[in-house]
C-alpha atoms as a PDB file:
ATOM      1  CA  MET A   1       4.827 242.391 292.194  1.00  0.00           C
ATOM      2  CA  ALA A   2       2.248 243.213 289.518  1.00  0.00           C
ATOM      3  CA  TRP A   3       1.336 246.168 287.374  1.00  0.00           C
ATOM      4  CA  SER A   4      -2.225 247.462 287.705  1.00  0.00           C
ATOM      5  CA  LYS A   5      -4.199 250.543 286.700  1.00  0.00           C
ATOM      6  CA  ALA A   6      -4.599 252.934 289.612  1.00  0.00           C
ATOM      7  CA  GLN A   7      -7.784 254.403 288.089  1.00  0.00           C
ATOM      8  CA  ALA A   8      -9.764 254.283 284.884  1.00  0.00           C
ATOM      9  CA  ALA A   9      -7.875 255.154 281.703  1.00  0.00           C
ATOM     10  CA  LYS A  10      -9.243 258.057 279.648  1.00  0.00           C
ATOM     11  CA  ILE A  11      -9.367 258.092 275.851  1.00  0.00           C
ATOM     12  CA  ALA A  12     -10.823 260.819 273.630  1.00  0.00           C
ATOM     13  CA  ALA A  13     -10.742 262.376 270.176  1.00  0.00           C
ATOM     14  CA  ALA A  14      -8.830 265.387 271.459  1.00  0.00           C
ATOM     15  CA  LYS A  15      -5.390 266.564 272.593  1.00  0.00           C
ATOM     16  CA  THR A  16      -6.404 266.794 276.245  1.00  0.00           C
ATOM     17  CA  ALA A  17      -7.943 264.419 278.779  1.00  0.00           C
ATOM     18  CA  THR A  18      -8.601 264.452 282.533  1.00  0.00           C
ATOM     19  CA  PHE A  19      -8.346 261.630 285.070  1.00  0.00           C
ATOM     20  CA  ASP A  20     -11.253 261.129 287.462  1.00  0.00           C
ATOM     21  CA  SER A  21      -8.854 261.693 290.389  1.00  0.00           C
ATOM     22  CA  ILE A  22      -5.499 263.417 290.936  1.00  0.00           C
ATOM     23  CA  PRO A  23      -2.765 260.819 290.218  1.00  0.00           C
ATOM     24  CA  THR A  24      -0.927 259.361 293.195  1.00  0.00           C
ATOM     25  CA  GLN A  25       2.629 260.575 293.699  1.00  0.00           C
ATOM     26  CA  GLY A  26       5.148 257.964 292.548  1.00  0.00           C
ATOM     27  CA  ASN A  27       2.881 256.208 290.044  1.00  0.00           C
ATOM     28  CA  LEU A  28       3.709 255.836 286.338  1.00  0.00           C
ATOM     29  CA  LEU A  29       1.698 258.109 284.040  1.00  0.00           C
ATOM     30  CA  ILE A  30       1.318 257.406 280.317  1.00  0.00           C
ATOM     31  CA  CYS A  31       0.076 259.790 277.622  1.00  0.00           C
ATOM     32  CA  ILE A  32      -0.493 258.477 274.092  1.00  0.00           C
ATOM     33  CA  GLY A  33      -1.224 260.825 271.209  1.00  0.00           C
ATOM     34  CA  ALA A  34      -2.439 259.981 267.722  1.00  0.00           C
ATOM     35  CA  ILE A  35      -2.678 262.037 264.520  1.00  0.00           C
ATOM     36  CA  ARG A  36      -4.663 260.894 261.517  1.00  0.00           C
ATOM     37  CA  ALA A  37      -2.788 262.615 258.690  1.00  0.00           C
ATOM     38  CA  ASN A  38      -0.304 265.359 257.760  1.00  0.00           C
ATOM     39  CA  GLY A  39       0.370 266.573 261.297  1.00  0.00           C
ATOM     40  CA  THR A  40       3.264 267.100 263.679  1.00  0.00           C
ATOM     41  CA  PHE A  41       3.533 266.593 267.430  1.00  0.00           C
ATOM     42  CA  THR A  42       4.904 269.916 268.648  1.00  0.00           C
ATOM     43  CA  GLY A  43       4.999 269.533 272.411  1.00  0.00           C
ATOM     44  CA  ALA A  44       4.970 266.893 275.133  1.00  0.00           C
ATOM     45  CA  PRO A  45       2.529 267.217 278.037  1.00  0.00           C
ATOM     46  CA  GLY A  46       3.483 269.191 281.112  1.00  0.00           C
ATOM     47  CA  SER A  47       5.890 271.763 279.674  1.00  0.00           C
ATOM     48  CA  GLY A  48       8.821 269.377 279.474  1.00  0.00           C
ATOM     49  CA  THR A  49       8.151 267.339 282.621  1.00  0.00           C
ATOM     50  CA  TRP A  50       7.238 264.263 280.554  1.00  0.00           C
ATOM     51  CA  SER A  51       9.758 262.043 278.751  1.00  0.00           C
ATOM     52  CA  GLN A  52       9.308 260.762 275.218  1.00  0.00           C
ATOM     53  CA  ALA A  53       9.129 257.003 274.744  1.00  0.00           C
ATOM     54  CA  ILE A  54       8.439 257.069 270.989  1.00  0.00           C
ATOM     55  CA  LEU A  55       7.260 259.664 268.473  1.00  0.00           C
ATOM     56  CA  ASN A  56       6.432 259.381 264.774  1.00  0.00           C
ATOM     57  CA  ASN A  57       4.596 262.207 263.031  1.00  0.00           C
ATOM     58  CA  ALA A  58       1.829 261.679 260.481  1.00  0.00           C
ATOM     59  CA  ASP A  59       2.423 262.208 256.777  1.00  0.00           C
ATOM     60  CA  GLY A  60       0.526 261.820 253.536  1.00  0.00           C
ATOM     61  CA  THR A  61       0.786 258.019 253.762  1.00  0.00           C
ATOM     62  CA  TYR A  62       0.688 256.920 257.402  1.00  0.00           C
ATOM     63  CA  PRO A  63      -0.776 258.194 260.707  1.00  0.00           C
ATOM     64  CA  GLY A  64       1.333 259.409 263.630  1.00  0.00           C
ATOM     65  CA  VAL A  65       1.639 258.015 267.173  1.00  0.00           C
ATOM     66  CA  ALA A  66       3.543 259.347 270.186  1.00  0.00           C
ATOM     67  CA  VAL A  67       3.951 257.968 273.710  1.00  0.00           C
ATOM     68  CA  TRP A  68       5.153 260.038 276.677  1.00  0.00           C
ATOM     69  CA  TYR A  69       5.616 259.015 280.318  1.00  0.00           C
ATOM     70  CA  LYS A  70       6.523 260.371 283.739  1.00  0.00           C
ATOM     71  CA  ILE A  71       6.492 259.512 287.431  1.00  0.00           C
ATOM     72  CA  ALA A  72       3.681 261.457 289.093  1.00  0.00           C
ATOM     73  CA  GLY A  73       4.832 264.207 291.417  1.00  0.00           C
ATOM     74  CA  ALA A  74       3.236 265.800 294.449  1.00  0.00           C
ATOM     75  CA  GLY A  75       0.124 267.764 293.489  1.00  0.00           C
ATOM     76  CA  GLU A  76       0.134 266.273 289.988  1.00  0.00           C
ATOM     77  CA  SER A  77      -2.486 267.742 287.647  1.00  0.00           C
ATOM     78  CA  ALA A  78      -5.353 265.453 286.682  1.00  0.00           C
ATOM     79  CA  THR A  79      -5.477 267.053 283.220  1.00  0.00           C
ATOM     80  CA  VAL A  80      -2.954 266.049 280.556  1.00  0.00           C
ATOM     81  CA  THR A  81      -2.509 267.949 277.261  1.00  0.00           C
ATOM     82  CA  TYR A  82      -0.083 267.575 274.379  1.00  0.00           C
ATOM     83  CA  THR A  83       0.276 269.951 271.451  1.00  0.00           C
ATOM     84  CA  ALA A  84       0.225 269.207 267.731  1.00  0.00           C
ATOM     85  CA  ASP A  85       0.162 271.178 264.502  1.00  0.00           C
ATOM     86  CA  VAL A  86      -2.785 269.507 262.820  1.00  0.00           C
ATOM     87  CA  SER A  87      -6.167 270.645 261.527  1.00  0.00           C
ATOM     88  CA  GLY A  88      -8.136 267.654 262.763  1.00  0.00           C
ATOM     89  CA  GLY A  89      -8.145 263.946 263.439  1.00  0.00           C
ATOM     90  CA  VAL A  90      -6.371 263.563 266.804  1.00  0.00           C
ATOM     91  CA  GLY A  91      -6.643 261.273 269.803  1.00  0.00           C
ATOM     92  CA  ILE A  92      -5.348 260.954 273.349  1.00  0.00           C
ATOM     93  CA  CYS A  93      -5.216 258.185 275.939  1.00  0.00           C
ATOM     94  CA  ILE A  94      -3.950 258.687 279.503  1.00  0.00           C
ATOM     95  CA  ILE A  95      -3.267 255.858 281.958  1.00  0.00           C
ATOM     96  CA  GLU A  96      -2.008 255.681 285.548  1.00  0.00           C
ATOM     97  CA  TYR A  97      -0.190 252.496 286.590  1.00  0.00           C
ATOM     98  CA  THR A  98       0.937 251.379 290.025  1.00  0.00           C
ATOM     99  CA  ASN A  99       3.329 248.626 291.080  1.00  0.00           C
ATOM    100  CA  THR A 100       5.877 247.783 293.755  1.00  0.00           C
ATOM    101  CA  GLY A 101       8.798 250.128 293.149  1.00  0.00           C
ATOM    102  CA  VAL A 102       6.941 251.911 290.350  1.00  0.00           C
ATOM    103  CA  ALA A 103       8.717 255.199 291.151  1.00  0.00           C
ATOM    104  CA  ASN A 104      11.826 253.563 289.662  1.00  0.00           C
ATOM    105  CA  ALA A 105      10.132 252.626 286.384  1.00  0.00           C
ATOM    106  CA  LEU A 106      12.241 253.133 283.272  1.00  0.00           C
ATOM    107  CA  LEU A 107      11.652 252.770 279.553  1.00  0.00           C
ATOM    108  CA  ASP A 108      13.162 249.472 278.396  1.00  0.00           C
ATOM    109  CA  ASN A 109      12.441 249.244 274.667  1.00  0.00           C
ATOM    110  CA  GLN A 110      10.214 250.530 271.851  1.00  0.00           C
ATOM    111  CA  ILE A 111       9.266 249.671 268.281  1.00  0.00           C
ATOM    112  CA  THR A 112       6.971 251.011 265.561  1.00  0.00           C
ATOM    113  CA  ALA A 113       5.699 249.717 262.241  1.00  0.00           C
ATOM    114  CA  VAL A 114       3.509 251.006 259.403  1.00  0.00           C
ATOM    115  CA  GLY A 115       1.445 249.369 256.723  1.00  0.00           C
ATOM    116  CA  SER A 116      -1.812 249.259 254.776  1.00  0.00           C
ATOM    117  CA  SER A 117      -3.980 246.266 255.666  1.00  0.00           C
ATOM    118  CA  ALA A 118      -6.701 245.066 258.004  1.00  0.00           C
ATOM    119  CA  ALA A 119      -4.147 243.662 260.460  1.00  0.00           C
ATOM    120  CA  PRO A 120      -1.967 246.393 262.021  1.00  0.00           C
ATOM    121  CA  ALA A 121       0.890 245.054 264.174  1.00  0.00           C
ATOM    122  CA  SER A 122       3.877 246.617 265.915  1.00  0.00           C
ATOM    123  CA  GLY A 123       6.503 243.996 265.098  1.00  0.00           C
ATOM    124  CA  SER A 124       8.457 242.012 267.681  1.00  0.00           C
ATOM    125  CA  LEU A 125       9.630 243.808 270.816  1.00  0.00           C
ATOM    126  CA  THR A 126      12.094 242.117 273.184  1.00  0.00           C
ATOM    127  CA  CYS A 127      12.162 242.914 276.912  1.00  0.00           C
ATOM    128  CA  ALA A 128      14.999 242.608 279.410  1.00  0.00           C
ATOM    129  CA  GLN A 129      12.845 241.434 282.334  1.00  0.00           C
ATOM    130  CA  SER A 130      10.087 238.908 282.835  1.00  0.00           C
ATOM    131  CA  ASP A 131       7.636 241.282 284.528  1.00  0.00           C
ATOM    132  CA  GLU A 132       7.441 244.328 282.263  1.00  0.00           C
ATOM    133  CA  LEU A 133       4.530 246.552 281.284  1.00  0.00           C
ATOM    134  CA  LYS A 134       3.995 246.635 277.508  1.00  0.00           C
ATOM    135  CA  LEU A 135       1.747 249.188 275.824  1.00  0.00           C
ATOM    136  CA  LEU A 136       0.464 249.005 272.253  1.00  0.00           C
ATOM    137  CA  ALA A 137      -0.892 252.100 270.461  1.00  0.00           C
ATOM    138  CA  ILE A 138      -2.485 251.897 267.010  1.00  0.00           C
ATOM    139  CA  GLU A 139      -3.916 254.569 264.730  1.00  0.00           C
ATOM    140  CA  VAL A 140      -5.730 253.407 261.552  1.00  0.00           C
ATOM    141  CA  ARG A 141      -7.301 255.522 258.801  1.00  0.00           C
ATOM    142  CA  SER A 142     -10.576 253.650 259.168  1.00  0.00           C
ATOM    143  CA  THR A 143     -13.425 253.862 261.662  1.00  0.00           C
ATOM    144  CA  THR A 144     -13.961 250.075 261.719  1.00  0.00           C
ATOM    145  CA  ALA A 145     -14.019 248.837 265.313  1.00  0.00           C
ATOM    146  CA  PHE A 146     -10.875 247.035 266.485  1.00  0.00           C
ATOM    147  CA  SER A 147     -11.152 243.345 267.396  1.00  0.00           C
ATOM    148  CA  ASN A 148      -9.051 240.235 267.925  1.00  0.00           C
ATOM    149  CA  TRP A 149      -6.135 241.790 269.813  1.00  0.00           C
ATOM    150  CA  THR A 150      -3.229 239.400 269.350  1.00  0.00           C
ATOM    151  CA  ASN A 151      -0.722 237.605 271.602  1.00  0.00           C
ATOM    152  CA  GLY A 152      -2.463 238.310 274.902  1.00  0.00           C
ATOM    153  CA  PHE A 153      -2.814 242.089 274.604  1.00  0.00           C
ATOM    154  CA  GLY A 154      -5.953 243.382 276.335  1.00  0.00           C
ATOM    155  CA  GLU A 155      -7.836 246.452 275.136  1.00  0.00           C
ATOM    156  CA  VAL A 156      -7.528 249.605 277.236  1.00  0.00           C
ATOM    157  CA  GLY A 157      -9.790 251.663 274.966  1.00  0.00           C
ATOM    158  CA  THR A 158     -10.555 252.833 271.423  1.00  0.00           C
ATOM    159  CA  VAL A 159     -12.004 256.017 269.963  1.00  0.00           C
ATOM    160  CA  ALA A 160     -12.872 257.331 266.494  1.00  0.00           C
ATOM    161  CA  THR A 161     -10.424 260.167 265.783  1.00  0.00           C
ATOM    162  CA  GLY A 162     -11.384 261.206 262.244  1.00  0.00           C
ATOM    163  CA  SER A 163     -12.304 264.765 261.371  1.00  0.00           C
ATOM    164  CA  GLY A 164     -11.481 267.309 258.705  1.00  0.00           C
ATOM    165  CA  GLY A 165     -12.796 265.137 255.872  1.00  0.00           C
ATOM    166  CA  GLY A 166     -11.191 261.862 257.000  1.00  0.00           C
ATOM    167  CA  SER A 167     -11.960 258.828 259.115  1.00  0.00           C
ATOM    168  CA  SER A 168      -9.688 257.095 261.591  1.00  0.00           C
ATOM    169  CA  ARG A 169      -9.597 255.180 264.868  1.00  0.00           C
ATOM    170  CA  MET A 170      -7.151 255.030 267.768  1.00  0.00           C
ATOM    171  CA  GLY A 171      -6.741 251.961 269.966  1.00  0.00           C
ATOM    172  CA  VAL A 172      -4.621 251.183 273.011  1.00  0.00           C
ATOM    173  CA  ALA A 173      -3.904 247.780 274.603  1.00  0.00           C
ATOM    174  CA  ASP A 174      -1.537 246.435 277.246  1.00  0.00           C
ATOM    175  CA  ILE A 175       0.006 243.223 278.524  1.00  0.00           C
ATOM    176  CA  LEU A 176       2.263 242.218 281.404  1.00  0.00           C
ATOM    177  CA  GLY A 177       5.253 239.963 280.922  1.00  0.00           C
ATOM    178  CA  GLY A 178       8.643 239.570 279.320  1.00  0.00           C
ATOM    179  CA  GLY A 179      10.284 237.956 276.359  1.00  0.00           C
ATOM    180  CA  THR A 180       9.342 238.946 272.824  1.00  0.00           C
ATOM    181  CA  SER A 181       5.895 240.191 271.829  1.00  0.00           C
ATOM    182  CA  ASP A 182       4.235 241.352 268.610  1.00  0.00           C
ATOM    183  CA  GLY A 183       1.018 243.228 269.328  1.00  0.00           C
ATOM    184  CA  GLY A 184      -1.734 243.830 266.814  1.00  0.00           C
ATOM    185  CA  CYS A 185      -5.447 243.579 266.067  1.00  0.00           C
ATOM    186  CA  THR A 186      -8.022 243.361 263.286  1.00  0.00           C
ATOM    187  CA  SER A 187      -9.271 246.659 261.867  1.00  0.00           C
ATOM    188  CA  GLY A 188     -10.464 248.291 258.678  1.00  0.00           C
ATOM    189  CA  ASN A 189      -8.311 247.768 255.579  1.00  0.00           C
ATOM    190  CA  ALA A 190      -6.405 251.078 255.543  1.00  0.00           C
ATOM    191  CA  ALA A 191      -3.088 252.776 256.328  1.00  0.00           C
ATOM    192  CA  TRP A 192      -1.957 252.332 259.933  1.00  0.00           C
ATOM    193  CA  ARG A 193       0.823 252.872 262.450  1.00  0.00           C
ATOM    194  CA  ALA A 194       1.376 250.546 265.392  1.00  0.00           C
ATOM    195  CA  SER A 195       3.818 251.393 268.207  1.00  0.00           C
ATOM    196  CA  GLN A 196       4.770 249.292 271.224  1.00  0.00           C
ATOM    197  CA  VAL A 197       6.739 250.387 274.307  1.00  0.00           C
ATOM    198  CA  ALA A 198       7.884 248.456 277.379  1.00  0.00           C
ATOM    199  CA  PHE A 199       8.671 249.628 280.917  1.00  0.00           C
ATOM    200  CA  LYS A 200      10.750 247.903 283.597  1.00  0.00           C
ATOM    201  CA  ILE A 201      11.386 248.646 287.257  1.00  0.00           C
ATOM    202  CA  LEU A 202      14.808 249.142 288.814  1.00  0.00           C
ATOM    203  CA  ALA A 203      15.548 248.532 292.464  1.00  0.00           C
ATOM    204  CA  ALA A 204      17.887 250.668 294.549  1.00  0.00           C
ATOM    205  CA  GLY A 205      21.403 250.572 293.188  1.00  0.00           C
ATOM    206  CA  GLY A 206      20.289 250.266 289.565  1.00  0.00           C
ATOM    207  CA  LEU A 207      19.537 246.521 289.520  1.00  0.00           C
ATOM    208  CA  SER A 208      16.255 245.135 288.285  1.00  0.00           C
ATOM    209  CA  ILE A 209      14.014 244.040 291.146  1.00  0.00           C
ATOM    210  CA  PRO A 210      14.269 240.298 290.238  1.00  0.00           C
ATOM    211  CA  VAL A 211      18.098 240.493 290.222  1.00  0.00           C
ATOM    212  CA  ALA A 212      18.139 242.485 293.469  1.00  0.00           C
ATOM    213  CA  MET A 213      15.989 239.818 295.141  1.00  0.00           C
ATOM    214  CA  GLN A 214      18.243 237.072 293.843  1.00  0.00           C
ATOM    215  CA  ASN A 215      21.302 238.835 295.289  1.00  0.00           C
ATOM    216  CA  TYR A 216      19.501 239.308 298.605  1.00  0.00           C
ATOM    217  CA  ARG A 217      18.596 235.630 298.829  1.00  0.00           C
ATOM    218  CA  GLN A 218      22.190 234.680 298.004  1.00  0.00           C
ATOM    219  CA  ARG A 219      23.526 236.922 300.770  1.00  0.00           C
ATOM    220  CA  ARG A 220      21.027 235.406 303.214  1.00  0.00           C
ATOM    221  CA  GLY A 221      22.084 231.928 302.191  1.00  0.00           C
ATOM    222  CA  ASN A 222      25.756 232.729 302.663  1.00  0.00           C
ATOM    223  CA  ALA A 223      25.058 234.244 306.096  1.00  0.00           C
ATOM    224  CA  ASN A 224      23.043 231.211 307.215  1.00  0.00           C
ATOM    225  CA  GLY A 225      25.719 228.854 305.944  1.00  0.00           C
END
């Protein structure tokens, strides 16, 4: 069992993005939004069909980041749009993930942190399972390119999001695994927000897939004994 991207992720300095292909029914869809300054997320994608994993609006000090998710339905739209009350400086990243049992994916945990430095980081996030999907979203009020993603996180994409008299950059990374992780990177020395979310998969009956397999093997062993 392993998480993988079903198609190329899309990232843009906008509030809307379009996949190359229509998402596959049952896959996990992710939409990440970023606001540079003094803005409010006013609506999730899909007229309420998406769930919120984490949402922090931008203010005069720190940027804003939101993460929404859903399981793709039949005839899913390839275009994803969120709404925000902001004059400029926005970003979006959309990702489609597949996995065994992905239609039973659930949000496990989330964390966010803010600061002003050249080393944005989300803080430590603890996961319940050993095989989770962790996503890291960072918005920094600097256009300096991101580098040196920490603790095994791999870059999904980055984009300059500044407009309206400001400069900023959005970056997204992911990692597969469990335990505790603190994701971050090197960026320009400026105000930032870093948010991390983790997703797990449940098997039928509400058990995690590793626990369900363990119970199955135990039943087989008892039967063979």
